N, C-alpha and C. Protein backbone atom coordinates (compact mmCIF):
# COMPACT_ATOMS: atom_id res chain seq x y z
N MET A 1 10.39 21.12 -4.10
CA MET A 1 10.94 20.19 -4.67
C MET A 1 10.59 18.49 -4.50
N GLU A 2 10.16 18.88 -3.02
CA GLU A 2 9.23 17.57 -2.60
C GLU A 2 8.50 17.17 -3.38
N SER A 3 7.63 18.00 -3.70
CA SER A 3 6.36 17.70 -4.56
C SER A 3 6.76 16.86 -5.73
N ARG A 4 7.91 17.38 -6.19
CA ARG A 4 8.45 16.83 -7.54
C ARG A 4 8.99 15.39 -7.52
N HIS A 5 9.28 15.40 -6.28
CA HIS A 5 9.92 13.88 -6.35
C HIS A 5 8.49 12.89 -5.82
N ALA A 6 7.89 13.29 -4.82
CA ALA A 6 6.58 12.34 -4.78
C ALA A 6 6.08 12.37 -6.07
N ASP A 7 5.67 13.18 -7.10
CA ASP A 7 5.45 12.62 -8.59
C ASP A 7 5.79 11.89 -9.03
N HIS A 8 7.21 11.84 -9.42
CA HIS A 8 8.09 10.69 -9.76
C HIS A 8 7.99 9.61 -8.95
N ALA A 9 8.24 9.53 -7.79
CA ALA A 9 7.36 8.18 -7.27
C ALA A 9 6.36 7.66 -7.28
N GLU A 10 4.99 8.56 -7.90
CA GLU A 10 4.04 7.74 -7.96
C GLU A 10 3.69 7.57 -9.48
N ALA A 11 4.71 8.22 -10.35
CA ALA A 11 4.86 7.70 -11.60
C ALA A 11 5.33 6.42 -11.97
N LEU A 12 6.66 6.20 -10.87
CA LEU A 12 7.29 4.90 -10.96
C LEU A 12 6.34 3.54 -10.13
N ARG A 13 5.37 3.98 -9.53
CA ARG A 13 4.22 3.02 -8.92
C ARG A 13 3.74 3.07 -10.05
N THR A 14 3.25 3.39 -10.85
CA THR A 14 1.99 3.43 -12.05
C THR A 14 2.81 2.68 -12.88
N ARG A 15 3.71 3.07 -13.24
CA ARG A 15 4.29 2.72 -14.26
C ARG A 15 4.68 0.96 -13.94
N VAL A 16 5.20 0.20 -12.75
CA VAL A 16 5.03 -0.82 -12.57
C VAL A 16 3.83 -1.68 -12.89
N LEU A 17 2.64 -0.81 -12.56
CA LEU A 17 1.28 -1.84 -12.54
C LEU A 17 1.23 -1.88 -14.01
N GLU A 18 1.30 -0.74 -14.84
CA GLU A 18 0.92 -0.96 -16.06
C GLU A 18 1.58 -1.68 -17.07
N SER A 19 2.69 -1.73 -16.90
CA SER A 19 3.66 -2.32 -18.15
C SER A 19 4.41 -3.81 -17.94
N GLY A 20 4.55 -4.34 -18.57
CA GLY A 20 5.45 -5.63 -18.61
C GLY A 20 4.48 -6.84 -19.15
N VAL A 21 5.27 -7.75 -19.63
CA VAL A 21 4.89 -9.20 -19.64
C VAL A 21 4.39 -10.26 -18.79
N ILE A 22 4.31 -9.92 -17.14
CA ILE A 22 3.82 -10.60 -16.49
C ILE A 22 2.43 -9.62 -16.12
N ASP A 23 1.57 -11.02 -15.78
CA ASP A 23 0.34 -10.25 -15.01
C ASP A 23 0.43 -9.11 -14.24
N SER A 24 -0.41 -8.02 -14.77
CA SER A 24 -0.28 -6.93 -13.38
C SER A 24 -0.37 -7.14 -12.24
N ALA A 25 -1.34 -8.23 -11.99
CA ALA A 25 -1.43 -8.65 -10.40
C ALA A 25 -0.01 -9.11 -9.82
N LEU A 26 0.28 -9.61 -10.42
CA LEU A 26 1.29 -10.43 -10.36
C LEU A 26 2.76 -9.13 -9.89
N ARG A 27 2.88 -8.35 -10.74
CA ARG A 27 3.53 -7.20 -10.48
C ARG A 27 3.25 -6.40 -9.71
N ASN A 28 1.62 -6.23 -9.06
CA ASN A 28 1.42 -5.47 -8.00
C ASN A 28 1.71 -5.84 -6.29
N GLY A 29 1.43 -7.44 -6.75
CA GLY A 29 1.91 -8.70 -5.62
C GLY A 29 3.51 -8.38 -5.35
N ALA A 30 4.29 -8.25 -5.89
CA ALA A 30 5.23 -8.41 -5.98
C ALA A 30 6.03 -7.18 -5.45
N MET A 31 5.40 -6.19 -6.07
CA MET A 31 5.67 -4.54 -5.02
C MET A 31 4.97 -4.73 -4.00
N ARG A 32 3.66 -5.03 -3.57
CA ARG A 32 3.39 -4.96 -2.32
C ARG A 32 4.29 -5.84 -1.65
N ALA A 33 4.69 -6.93 -1.69
CA ALA A 33 5.51 -7.51 -0.96
C ALA A 33 6.96 -7.30 -0.52
N GLY A 34 7.50 -6.51 -1.58
CA GLY A 34 8.65 -5.86 -1.49
C GLY A 34 8.60 -4.98 -0.35
N ALA A 35 7.37 -4.21 -0.32
CA ALA A 35 7.08 -3.07 0.31
C ALA A 35 6.81 -3.30 2.24
N GLY A 36 6.23 -4.60 2.13
CA GLY A 36 6.62 -5.47 3.53
C GLY A 36 4.96 -5.74 3.62
N GLU A 37 4.31 -5.84 2.52
CA GLU A 37 2.69 -5.88 2.87
C GLU A 37 2.15 -6.89 2.36
N ASP A 38 1.25 -7.60 3.10
CA ASP A 38 0.62 -9.17 2.80
C ASP A 38 0.14 -8.79 1.76
N ALA A 39 1.00 -9.91 0.72
CA ALA A 39 0.38 -9.52 -0.98
C ALA A 39 0.17 -10.94 -1.58
N ALA A 40 -0.20 -12.17 -0.56
CA ALA A 40 -0.94 -13.56 -0.82
C ALA A 40 -0.32 -13.96 -2.15
N LEU A 41 1.21 -14.15 -2.25
CA LEU A 41 1.99 -14.58 -3.65
C LEU A 41 1.98 -15.75 -3.59
N PRO A 42 2.03 -16.47 -4.56
CA PRO A 42 2.20 -17.89 -4.60
C PRO A 42 3.85 -17.98 -4.64
N GLU A 43 4.05 -19.40 -3.99
CA GLU A 43 5.67 -19.93 -4.11
C GLU A 43 5.87 -19.92 -5.49
N PRO A 44 6.90 -19.90 -6.11
CA PRO A 44 8.05 -19.22 -5.25
C PRO A 44 8.41 -17.68 -4.99
N TYR A 45 7.45 -17.20 -6.02
CA TYR A 45 7.57 -15.83 -5.13
C TYR A 45 7.47 -15.04 -4.38
N ALA A 46 6.70 -15.81 -3.52
CA ALA A 46 6.22 -15.13 -1.76
C ALA A 46 7.39 -15.06 -1.16
N ALA A 47 8.53 -16.26 -1.67
CA ALA A 47 9.68 -16.21 -0.36
C ALA A 47 10.50 -15.17 -1.19
N LEU A 48 10.40 -15.11 -2.34
CA LEU A 48 11.71 -14.13 -2.77
C LEU A 48 11.34 -12.73 -2.85
N THR A 49 10.02 -12.47 -2.81
CA THR A 49 9.97 -10.91 -2.89
C THR A 49 10.22 -10.74 -1.39
N ARG A 50 9.14 -11.00 -0.22
CA ARG A 50 9.62 -10.98 1.20
C ARG A 50 11.04 -11.02 1.29
N THR A 51 11.93 -11.78 0.96
CA THR A 51 13.39 -11.61 1.43
C THR A 51 14.12 -10.26 0.48
N ILE A 52 13.53 -9.67 -0.73
CA ILE A 52 13.83 -8.85 -1.31
C ILE A 52 13.79 -7.27 -0.27
N GLY A 53 12.03 -7.41 0.29
CA GLY A 53 11.86 -6.54 0.92
C GLY A 53 12.50 -6.15 2.29
N GLU A 54 12.87 -7.27 2.71
CA GLU A 54 13.38 -7.36 4.36
C GLU A 54 14.87 -7.38 4.14
N HIS A 55 15.92 -8.27 3.22
CA HIS A 55 17.14 -8.36 3.68
C HIS A 55 17.41 -8.72 2.00
N SER A 56 17.58 -7.89 1.19
CA SER A 56 18.15 -8.11 -0.22
C SER A 56 19.09 -8.77 -0.61
N TYR A 57 20.37 -8.72 0.19
CA TYR A 57 21.57 -9.23 0.34
C TYR A 57 21.62 -11.00 0.82
N ARG A 58 20.12 -11.19 1.04
CA ARG A 58 19.78 -12.80 1.61
C ARG A 58 19.31 -13.51 0.48
N VAL A 59 18.81 -12.97 -0.74
CA VAL A 59 18.46 -13.94 -1.73
C VAL A 59 19.58 -14.53 -2.30
N THR A 60 19.07 -15.95 -2.60
CA THR A 60 19.84 -16.93 -2.99
C THR A 60 19.34 -16.89 -4.57
N ASP A 61 20.44 -17.79 -5.33
CA ASP A 61 20.48 -18.32 -6.45
C ASP A 61 19.24 -19.04 -6.35
N ALA A 62 19.34 -19.99 -5.54
CA ALA A 62 17.90 -21.08 -5.82
C ALA A 62 16.48 -20.31 -6.04
N GLN A 63 16.53 -19.01 -4.75
CA GLN A 63 15.52 -18.35 -4.95
C GLN A 63 15.41 -17.79 -6.44
N VAL A 64 16.25 -17.32 -7.03
CA VAL A 64 15.95 -16.48 -8.55
C VAL A 64 15.86 -17.75 -9.38
N ALA A 65 16.34 -18.89 -9.17
CA ALA A 65 15.81 -20.16 -10.27
C ALA A 65 15.01 -20.45 -9.83
N ALA A 66 14.51 -20.46 -9.13
CA ALA A 66 12.54 -20.84 -9.05
C ALA A 66 11.85 -19.79 -9.50
N ALA A 67 12.00 -18.42 -9.35
CA ALA A 67 11.16 -17.69 -9.99
C ALA A 67 11.46 -17.95 -11.12
N ARG A 68 12.55 -17.62 -11.84
CA ARG A 68 12.81 -18.08 -13.41
C ARG A 68 12.19 -19.28 -13.75
N GLY A 69 12.33 -20.26 -13.33
CA GLY A 69 11.27 -21.62 -13.45
C GLY A 69 9.61 -21.75 -13.55
N ALA A 70 9.15 -20.90 -12.38
CA ALA A 70 7.87 -20.34 -12.70
C ALA A 70 7.37 -19.36 -13.27
N ALA A 71 8.31 -18.58 -13.39
CA ALA A 71 7.98 -17.24 -14.29
C ALA A 71 7.68 -17.73 -15.97
N GLY A 72 8.99 -18.74 -16.06
CA GLY A 72 8.81 -18.97 -17.45
C GLY A 72 9.89 -18.57 -18.48
N THR A 73 10.32 -17.08 -18.24
CA THR A 73 11.58 -16.50 -19.11
C THR A 73 12.22 -15.65 -18.09
N ASP A 74 13.37 -15.16 -18.29
CA ASP A 74 14.28 -14.31 -17.63
C ASP A 74 13.55 -13.08 -17.58
N ARG A 75 13.02 -12.89 -18.49
CA ARG A 75 12.48 -11.11 -18.83
C ARG A 75 11.12 -11.23 -17.34
N ALA A 76 10.26 -12.48 -17.62
CA ALA A 76 9.13 -12.58 -16.69
C ALA A 76 9.83 -12.17 -15.21
N ALA A 77 10.93 -13.08 -14.84
CA ALA A 77 11.57 -13.34 -13.37
C ALA A 77 11.93 -12.29 -13.05
N PHE A 78 12.61 -11.33 -14.33
CA PHE A 78 13.14 -10.10 -13.95
C PHE A 78 12.20 -9.13 -13.33
N GLU A 79 10.94 -9.29 -14.23
CA GLU A 79 9.97 -8.17 -13.26
C GLU A 79 9.12 -8.09 -12.28
N VAL A 80 9.50 -9.69 -11.75
CA VAL A 80 9.37 -9.91 -10.35
C VAL A 80 10.05 -9.23 -9.70
N ILE A 81 11.21 -9.58 -9.78
CA ILE A 81 12.18 -8.99 -8.84
C ILE A 81 12.26 -7.44 -8.99
N MET A 82 12.39 -7.17 -10.10
CA MET A 82 11.92 -5.32 -9.93
C MET A 82 11.08 -4.91 -9.40
N SER A 83 9.83 -5.56 -9.39
CA SER A 83 8.57 -5.21 -8.66
C SER A 83 8.72 -5.10 -7.55
N ALA A 84 9.59 -5.85 -6.90
CA ALA A 84 9.86 -6.09 -5.17
C ALA A 84 10.91 -5.08 -5.12
N SER A 85 11.70 -5.23 -5.52
CA SER A 85 12.89 -4.32 -5.38
C SER A 85 12.21 -2.84 -5.52
N ILE A 86 11.50 -2.22 -6.32
CA ILE A 86 10.83 -1.08 -6.76
C ILE A 86 10.25 -0.66 -5.23
N GLY A 87 9.20 -2.18 -4.66
CA GLY A 87 8.51 -1.67 -3.64
C GLY A 87 8.72 -1.71 -2.35
N ALA A 88 9.99 -2.27 -2.56
CA ALA A 88 10.91 -2.10 -0.89
C ALA A 88 11.17 -0.29 -1.30
N GLY A 89 12.01 -0.20 -2.37
CA GLY A 89 12.80 1.38 -2.11
C GLY A 89 12.00 2.34 -2.05
N LEU A 90 10.54 2.24 -2.78
CA LEU A 90 9.67 3.30 -2.51
C LEU A 90 9.08 3.00 -0.85
N ARG A 91 9.05 1.87 0.06
CA ARG A 91 8.77 2.11 1.19
C ARG A 91 9.66 2.84 2.05
N ARG A 92 10.64 2.70 1.27
CA ARG A 92 11.87 3.62 2.08
C ARG A 92 11.88 4.69 2.08
N TRP A 93 11.61 5.12 0.53
CA TRP A 93 11.17 6.51 0.46
C TRP A 93 10.26 7.42 1.40
N ASP A 94 9.19 6.36 1.22
CA ASP A 94 7.80 7.14 2.03
C ASP A 94 8.21 7.29 3.70
N ALA A 95 8.84 6.18 3.87
CA ALA A 95 9.35 6.42 5.58
C ALA A 95 10.43 7.70 5.53
N ALA A 96 11.29 7.85 4.62
CA ALA A 96 11.90 8.90 4.67
C ALA A 96 11.49 10.33 4.65
N ILE A 97 10.20 10.18 3.44
CA ILE A 97 9.92 11.88 3.80
C ILE A 97 8.89 12.00 5.16
N ALA A 98 8.35 11.01 5.62
CA ALA A 98 7.58 10.93 6.98
C ALA A 98 8.54 11.45 7.74
N ALA A 99 9.54 10.93 8.12
CA ALA A 99 10.52 11.58 8.76
C ALA A 99 11.11 12.78 8.57
N LEU A 100 11.37 13.24 7.60
CA LEU A 100 11.72 14.58 6.85
C LEU A 100 10.66 15.53 7.42
N GLU A 101 9.22 15.25 7.11
CA GLU A 101 8.03 15.92 7.62
C GLU A 101 8.27 16.27 8.94
N GLU A 102 8.04 15.13 9.59
CA GLU A 102 8.40 15.08 11.57
C GLU A 102 9.29 16.08 11.74
N ALA A 103 10.41 16.15 11.32
CA ALA A 103 11.52 16.81 11.91
C ALA A 103 11.31 18.27 11.44
N GLN A 104 11.20 18.45 10.53
CA GLN A 104 10.37 19.94 10.13
C GLN A 104 9.15 20.36 10.84
N ASP A 105 8.03 19.76 11.23
CA ASP A 105 7.42 20.05 12.13
C ASP A 105 7.62 20.40 13.38
N ALA A 106 8.56 19.30 14.08
CA ALA A 106 9.07 19.49 15.33
C ALA A 106 10.13 20.95 15.57
N SER A 107 11.12 21.29 14.53
CA SER A 107 11.95 22.37 14.35
C SER A 107 10.89 23.58 14.17
N ARG A 108 9.40 23.44 14.09
CA ARG A 108 8.71 24.91 13.69
C ARG A 108 8.51 25.10 15.52
């Protein structure tokens, strides 16, 4: 079952990078920043995606408005936000899988 979930997670990563209205480099950077990696994104995306990855409940209306303005459309801003959110979720997914594997190894 774990393998199936890993396949789905990888398919999600690939799908984020391969589709959308914004440049794939921006989607990739947003996903990486959301996952806590250094993505070297320009502002206002850097602060927004970092906040999404670290403390999503702290995202402000001003951060979203700035991203909307920079992106040019609601759909483009949505893609940045979703890419960062998916990156953050997949980082947590990877950490959970690693913890489960470690626990299984320790119980043997």
